[in-house]
């Protein structure tokens, strides 16, 4: 069964809103999440494909792009962003949690003490 956009957004909220300082926003008409004034995740539809947009960094971006579920995010991809096609495979929420958390840490790094508290 395919998950709907609202189901994906609901799960993203459950993950992202537990990260310190996160707030939900709308960016260019799409729901997203930011912390410390920096966006770290967006849910968007691009060319008919529902996708979760995250920052992975330019150093590891090619690893993600080697997987057909991912594509270079339009406009911001050169800054280390990739998009995960939600319906390209069964949704793995453990993987998505890791992607969202990693993106948060890249885009809105927290003090070491705060990170330790959050992860425990």
N, C-alpha and C. Protein backbone atom coordinates (compact mmCIF):
# COMPACT_ATOMS: atom_id res chain seq x y z
N UNK A 1 0.84 -1.19 0.00
CA UNK A 1 0.00 0.00 0.00
C UNK A 1 0.88 1.25 0.00
N UNK A 2 0.59 2.17 -0.91
CA UNK A 2 1.36 3.41 -1.00
C UNK A 2 0.98 4.35 0.13
N UNK A 3 1.97 4.96 0.74
CA UNK A 3 1.71 5.94 1.78
C UNK A 3 1.32 7.26 1.11
N UNK A 4 0.47 8.00 1.78
CA UNK A 4 0.03 9.29 1.26
C UNK A 4 0.98 10.39 1.72
N UNK A 5 0.87 11.53 1.09
CA UNK A 5 1.68 12.68 1.49
C UNK A 5 1.42 13.03 2.96
N UNK A 6 0.17 13.00 3.37
CA UNK A 6 -0.16 13.34 4.77
C UNK A 6 0.43 12.32 5.73
N UNK A 7 0.44 11.05 5.37
CA UNK A 7 1.04 10.03 6.24
C UNK A 7 2.55 10.25 6.37
N UNK A 8 3.20 10.57 5.26
CA UNK A 8 4.64 10.83 5.30
C UNK A 8 4.92 12.07 6.16
N UNK A 9 4.16 13.13 5.93
CA UNK A 9 4.36 14.35 6.71
C UNK A 9 4.13 14.11 8.19
N UNK A 10 3.12 13.34 8.53
CA UNK A 10 2.85 13.03 9.93
C UNK A 10 4.04 12.32 10.58
N UNK A 11 4.61 11.35 9.89
CA UNK A 11 5.78 10.62 10.42
C UNK A 11 7.00 11.53 10.50
N UNK A 12 7.17 12.39 9.49
CA UNK A 12 8.29 13.34 9.53
C UNK A 12 8.15 14.26 10.74
N UNK A 13 6.93 14.72 11.02
CA UNK A 13 6.71 15.57 12.19
C UNK A 13 7.13 14.86 13.47
N UNK A 14 6.73 13.59 13.60
CA UNK A 14 7.06 12.84 14.81
C UNK A 14 8.56 12.74 15.01
N UNK A 15 9.30 12.65 13.92
CA UNK A 15 10.76 12.55 14.01
C UNK A 15 11.37 13.93 14.22
N UNK A 16 11.06 14.86 13.35
CA UNK A 16 11.72 16.17 13.35
C UNK A 16 11.39 17.01 14.58
N UNK A 17 10.15 16.98 15.02
CA UNK A 17 9.79 17.86 16.14
C UNK A 17 10.35 17.39 17.47
N UNK A 18 11.01 16.23 17.50
CA UNK A 18 11.72 15.82 18.72
C UNK A 18 13.15 16.37 18.74
N UNK A 19 13.63 16.88 17.61
CA UNK A 19 14.98 17.42 17.55
C UNK A 19 14.99 18.84 18.10
N UNK A 20 15.95 19.18 18.96
CA UNK A 20 15.96 20.48 19.65
C UNK A 20 15.86 21.67 18.70
N UNK A 21 14.96 22.59 19.05
CA UNK A 21 14.83 23.84 18.31
C UNK A 21 14.12 23.73 16.97
N UNK A 22 13.57 22.58 16.66
CA UNK A 22 12.93 22.40 15.35
C UNK A 22 11.56 23.04 15.32
N UNK A 23 11.27 23.66 14.21
CA UNK A 23 9.92 24.16 13.96
C UNK A 23 9.52 23.79 12.54
N UNK A 24 8.22 23.59 12.36
CA UNK A 24 7.70 23.28 11.03
C UNK A 24 7.45 24.59 10.30
N UNK A 25 7.78 24.61 9.01
CA UNK A 25 7.62 25.79 8.19
C UNK A 25 7.00 25.40 6.85
N UNK A 26 6.70 26.39 6.04
CA UNK A 26 6.35 26.16 4.63
C UNK A 26 7.39 26.93 3.83
N UNK A 27 8.00 26.24 2.89
CA UNK A 27 9.01 26.86 2.06
C UNK A 27 8.65 26.60 0.60
N UNK A 28 8.46 27.66 -0.14
CA UNK A 28 8.04 27.56 -1.54
C UNK A 28 6.81 26.66 -1.69
N UNK A 29 5.90 26.75 -0.70
CA UNK A 29 4.66 26.00 -0.75
C UNK A 29 4.74 24.58 -0.24
N UNK A 30 5.92 24.16 0.22
CA UNK A 30 6.11 22.79 0.69
C UNK A 30 6.34 22.78 2.20
N UNK A 31 5.86 21.74 2.90
CA UNK A 31 6.15 21.64 4.33
C UNK A 31 7.61 21.28 4.54
N UNK A 32 8.19 21.89 5.56
CA UNK A 32 9.59 21.62 5.86
C UNK A 32 9.87 21.81 7.33
N UNK A 33 11.13 21.59 7.69
CA UNK A 33 11.54 21.70 9.09
C UNK A 33 12.86 22.44 9.16
N UNK A 34 12.96 23.31 10.16
CA UNK A 34 14.20 24.06 10.33
C UNK A 34 14.54 24.16 11.81
N UNK A 35 15.81 24.40 12.06
CA UNK A 35 16.31 24.62 13.42
C UNK A 35 17.42 25.65 13.31
N UNK A 36 17.52 26.49 14.31
CA UNK A 36 18.53 27.56 14.32
C UNK A 36 18.48 28.37 13.04
N UNK A 37 17.28 28.55 12.49
CA UNK A 37 17.11 29.35 11.29
C UNK A 37 17.51 28.67 10.00
N UNK A 38 17.85 27.38 10.06
CA UNK A 38 18.32 26.65 8.88
C UNK A 38 17.39 25.49 8.55
N UNK A 39 16.97 25.43 7.30
CA UNK A 39 16.12 24.33 6.84
C UNK A 39 16.96 23.07 6.74
N UNK A 40 16.40 21.96 7.21
CA UNK A 40 17.12 20.69 7.09
C UNK A 40 16.30 19.57 6.47
N UNK A 41 15.02 19.78 6.25
CA UNK A 41 14.19 18.75 5.61
C UNK A 41 12.97 19.39 4.98
N UNK A 42 12.59 18.87 3.82
CA UNK A 42 11.41 19.34 3.11
C UNK A 42 10.71 18.13 2.51
N UNK A 43 9.40 18.19 2.48
CA UNK A 43 8.61 17.18 1.77
C UNK A 43 8.02 17.88 0.56
N UNK A 44 8.35 17.39 -0.63
CA UNK A 44 7.87 18.07 -1.83
C UNK A 44 7.51 17.06 -2.91
N UNK A 45 6.73 17.53 -3.85
CA UNK A 45 6.45 16.74 -5.03
C UNK A 45 7.18 17.42 -6.18
N UNK A 46 8.04 16.67 -6.85
CA UNK A 46 8.81 17.21 -7.97
C UNK A 46 8.63 16.28 -9.16
N UNK A 47 8.12 16.83 -10.23
CA UNK A 47 7.84 16.05 -11.45
C UNK A 47 6.99 14.82 -11.14
N UNK A 48 5.98 15.02 -10.28
CA UNK A 48 5.06 13.94 -9.95
C UNK A 48 5.57 12.94 -8.94
N UNK A 49 6.75 13.17 -8.38
CA UNK A 49 7.36 12.22 -7.45
C UNK A 49 7.41 12.83 -6.04
N UNK A 50 6.69 12.22 -5.09
CA UNK A 50 6.76 12.67 -3.70
C UNK A 50 8.13 12.34 -3.15
N UNK A 51 8.82 13.34 -2.60
CA UNK A 51 10.20 13.16 -2.17
C UNK A 51 10.48 13.85 -0.84
N UNK A 52 11.39 13.25 -0.10
CA UNK A 52 11.90 13.84 1.13
C UNK A 52 13.27 14.41 0.80
N UNK A 53 13.45 15.70 1.04
CA UNK A 53 14.68 16.41 0.71
C UNK A 53 15.50 16.56 1.98
N UNK A 54 16.77 16.12 1.93
CA UNK A 54 17.66 16.21 3.08
C UNK A 54 19.06 16.62 2.64
N UNK A 55 19.80 17.16 3.59
CA UNK A 55 21.19 17.51 3.34
C UNK A 55 22.06 16.33 3.77
N UNK A 56 22.93 15.89 2.87
CA UNK A 56 23.85 14.79 3.20
C UNK A 56 25.31 15.22 3.10
N UNK A 57 25.53 16.40 2.56
CA UNK A 57 26.88 16.91 2.40
C UNK A 57 27.47 16.51 1.06
N UNK A 58 28.33 17.36 0.54
CA UNK A 58 28.92 17.09 -0.78
C UNK A 58 29.87 15.90 -0.76
N UNK A 59 30.46 15.60 0.38
CA UNK A 59 31.41 14.50 0.47
C UNK A 59 30.78 13.12 0.35
N UNK A 60 29.53 12.99 0.74
CA UNK A 60 28.87 11.67 0.69
C UNK A 60 27.71 11.63 -0.31
N UNK A 61 27.47 12.73 -0.94
CA UNK A 61 26.33 12.83 -1.85
C UNK A 61 26.36 11.75 -2.95
N UNK A 62 27.52 11.47 -3.52
CA UNK A 62 27.61 10.49 -4.60
C UNK A 62 27.19 9.09 -4.15
N UNK A 63 27.42 8.76 -2.88
CA UNK A 63 26.98 7.46 -2.37
C UNK A 63 25.47 7.34 -2.45
N UNK A 64 24.78 8.40 -2.11
CA UNK A 64 23.32 8.39 -2.18
C UNK A 64 22.84 8.37 -3.62
N UNK A 65 23.48 9.16 -4.46
CA UNK A 65 23.05 9.26 -5.86
C UNK A 65 23.29 7.97 -6.65
N UNK A 66 24.13 7.09 -6.13
CA UNK A 66 24.34 5.78 -6.77
C UNK A 66 23.12 4.87 -6.56
N UNK A 67 22.26 5.23 -5.61
CA UNK A 67 21.03 4.49 -5.31
C UNK A 67 19.90 5.14 -6.11
N UNK A 68 19.20 4.38 -6.91
CA UNK A 68 18.17 4.93 -7.81
C UNK A 68 16.99 5.56 -7.07
N UNK A 69 16.89 5.34 -5.77
CA UNK A 69 15.81 5.98 -5.00
C UNK A 69 16.07 7.46 -4.76
N UNK A 70 17.32 7.89 -4.96
CA UNK A 70 17.72 9.27 -4.69
C UNK A 70 18.02 10.01 -5.98
N UNK A 71 17.81 11.31 -5.96
CA UNK A 71 18.22 12.17 -7.06
C UNK A 71 18.74 13.49 -6.50
N UNK A 72 19.51 14.19 -7.30
CA UNK A 72 20.07 15.48 -6.91
C UNK A 72 18.93 16.47 -6.78
N UNK A 73 18.80 17.08 -5.64
CA UNK A 73 17.71 18.03 -5.41
C UNK A 73 17.87 19.24 -6.34
N UNK A 74 16.82 19.57 -7.08
CA UNK A 74 16.91 20.74 -7.96
C UNK A 74 17.27 22.00 -7.18
N UNK A 75 18.07 22.85 -7.80
CA UNK A 75 18.47 24.16 -7.31
C UNK A 75 19.49 24.12 -6.18
N UNK A 76 19.33 23.24 -5.19
CA UNK A 76 20.24 23.25 -4.04
C UNK A 76 21.12 22.00 -3.96
N UNK A 77 20.97 21.12 -4.92
CA UNK A 77 21.72 19.86 -4.90
C UNK A 77 23.22 20.06 -4.82
N UNK A 78 23.74 21.08 -5.49
CA UNK A 78 25.20 21.30 -5.47
C UNK A 78 25.73 21.64 -4.09
N UNK A 79 24.85 22.01 -3.18
CA UNK A 79 25.27 22.29 -1.80
C UNK A 79 25.15 21.06 -0.89
N UNK A 80 24.99 19.87 -1.50
CA UNK A 80 24.98 18.65 -0.71
C UNK A 80 23.61 18.10 -0.37
N UNK A 81 22.59 18.47 -1.12
CA UNK A 81 21.23 18.01 -0.86
C UNK A 81 20.83 16.91 -1.84
N UNK A 82 20.07 15.93 -1.34
CA UNK A 82 19.50 14.88 -2.17
C UNK A 82 18.02 14.73 -1.83
N UNK A 83 17.30 14.13 -2.75
CA UNK A 83 15.88 13.87 -2.55
C UNK A 83 15.64 12.37 -2.64
N UNK A 84 14.89 11.85 -1.69
CA UNK A 84 14.52 10.43 -1.65
C UNK A 84 13.12 10.27 -2.20
N UNK A 85 12.97 9.48 -3.24
CA UNK A 85 11.65 9.20 -3.82
C UNK A 85 10.89 8.28 -2.85
N UNK A 86 9.84 8.79 -2.29
CA UNK A 86 9.08 8.05 -1.27
C UNK A 86 8.51 6.74 -1.80
N UNK A 87 8.05 6.73 -3.03
CA UNK A 87 7.38 5.55 -3.56
C UNK A 87 8.29 4.66 -4.41
N UNK A 88 9.59 4.89 -4.38
CA UNK A 88 10.52 4.08 -5.19
C UNK A 88 10.73 2.69 -4.61
N UNK A 89 10.44 2.53 -3.33
CA UNK A 89 10.62 1.25 -2.63
C UNK A 89 9.76 1.31 -1.37
N UNK A 90 9.57 0.19 -0.69
CA UNK A 90 8.84 0.25 0.58
C UNK A 90 9.51 1.26 1.52
N UNK A 91 8.69 2.03 2.23
CA UNK A 91 9.20 3.07 3.11
C UNK A 91 9.91 2.44 4.31
N UNK A 92 11.15 2.81 4.52
CA UNK A 92 11.95 2.34 5.65
C UNK A 92 12.11 3.51 6.62
N UNK A 93 11.25 3.53 7.63
CA UNK A 93 11.24 4.68 8.54
C UNK A 93 12.50 4.76 9.38
N UNK A 94 13.18 3.67 9.60
CA UNK A 94 14.46 3.71 10.32
C UNK A 94 15.49 4.49 9.48
N UNK A 95 15.53 4.19 8.19
CA UNK A 95 16.43 4.90 7.28
C UNK A 95 16.06 6.38 7.21
N UNK A 96 14.77 6.67 7.10
CA UNK A 96 14.34 8.06 7.01
C UNK A 96 14.67 8.82 8.29
N UNK A 97 14.51 8.18 9.44
CA UNK A 97 14.89 8.82 10.71
C UNK A 97 16.38 9.18 10.69
N UNK A 98 17.22 8.27 10.21
CA UNK A 98 18.66 8.53 10.12
C UNK A 98 18.96 9.67 9.15
N UNK A 99 18.27 9.69 8.02
CA UNK A 99 18.47 10.77 7.05
C UNK A 99 18.07 12.12 7.64
N UNK A 100 16.92 12.17 8.29
CA UNK A 100 16.45 13.42 8.88
C UNK A 100 17.36 13.90 10.00
N UNK A 101 17.78 12.97 10.85
CA UNK A 101 18.66 13.33 11.96
C UNK A 101 20.02 13.78 11.44
N UNK A 102 20.56 13.08 10.45
CA UNK A 102 21.83 13.48 9.87
C UNK A 102 21.76 14.83 9.20
N UNK A 103 20.68 15.10 8.50
CA UNK A 103 20.49 16.40 7.86
C UNK A 103 20.41 17.51 8.90
N UNK A 104 19.68 17.24 9.97
CA UNK A 104 19.57 18.20 11.08
C UNK A 104 20.95 18.54 11.61
N UNK A 105 21.76 17.51 11.83
CA UNK A 105 23.09 17.72 12.41
C UNK A 105 24.01 18.49 11.45
N UNK A 106 23.85 18.30 10.15
CA UNK A 106 24.65 19.05 9.18
C UNK A 106 24.18 20.50 9.04
N UNK A 107 22.88 20.68 8.98
CA UNK A 107 22.34 22.01 8.72
C UNK A 107 22.26 22.88 9.97
N UNK A 108 21.99 22.28 11.11
CA UNK A 108 21.79 23.03 12.34
C UNK A 108 22.53 22.36 13.48
N UNK A 109 23.87 22.35 13.41
CA UNK A 109 24.62 21.64 14.46
C UNK A 109 24.32 22.18 15.85
N UNK A 110 24.24 21.26 16.79
CA UNK A 110 23.97 21.64 18.18
C UNK A 110 25.24 21.46 19.00
N UNK A 111 25.25 22.11 20.16
CA UNK A 111 26.40 21.95 21.05
C UNK A 111 26.54 20.49 21.45
N UNK A 112 27.75 20.07 21.71
CA UNK A 112 28.02 18.67 22.02
C UNK A 112 27.17 18.17 23.19
N UNK A 113 27.02 18.93 24.24
CA UNK A 113 26.21 18.52 25.38
C UNK A 113 24.76 18.32 25.02
N UNK A 114 24.23 19.21 24.17
CA UNK A 114 22.82 19.10 23.76
C UNK A 114 22.62 17.87 22.90
N UNK A 115 23.59 17.57 22.04
CA UNK A 115 23.47 16.40 21.17
C UNK A 115 23.47 15.13 22.00
N UNK A 116 24.30 15.07 23.02
CA UNK A 116 24.36 13.90 23.89
C UNK A 116 23.03 13.69 24.59
N UNK A 117 22.43 14.76 25.10
CA UNK A 117 21.13 14.65 25.76
C UNK A 117 20.07 14.16 24.80
N UNK A 118 20.07 14.72 23.59
CA UNK A 118 19.04 14.40 22.61
C UNK A 118 19.11 12.95 22.19
N UNK A 119 20.32 12.40 22.07
CA UNK A 119 20.48 11.04 21.58
C UNK A 119 20.29 9.99 22.67
N UNK A 120 20.28 10.39 23.90
CA UNK A 120 20.12 9.40 24.98
C UNK A 120 18.68 9.09 25.25
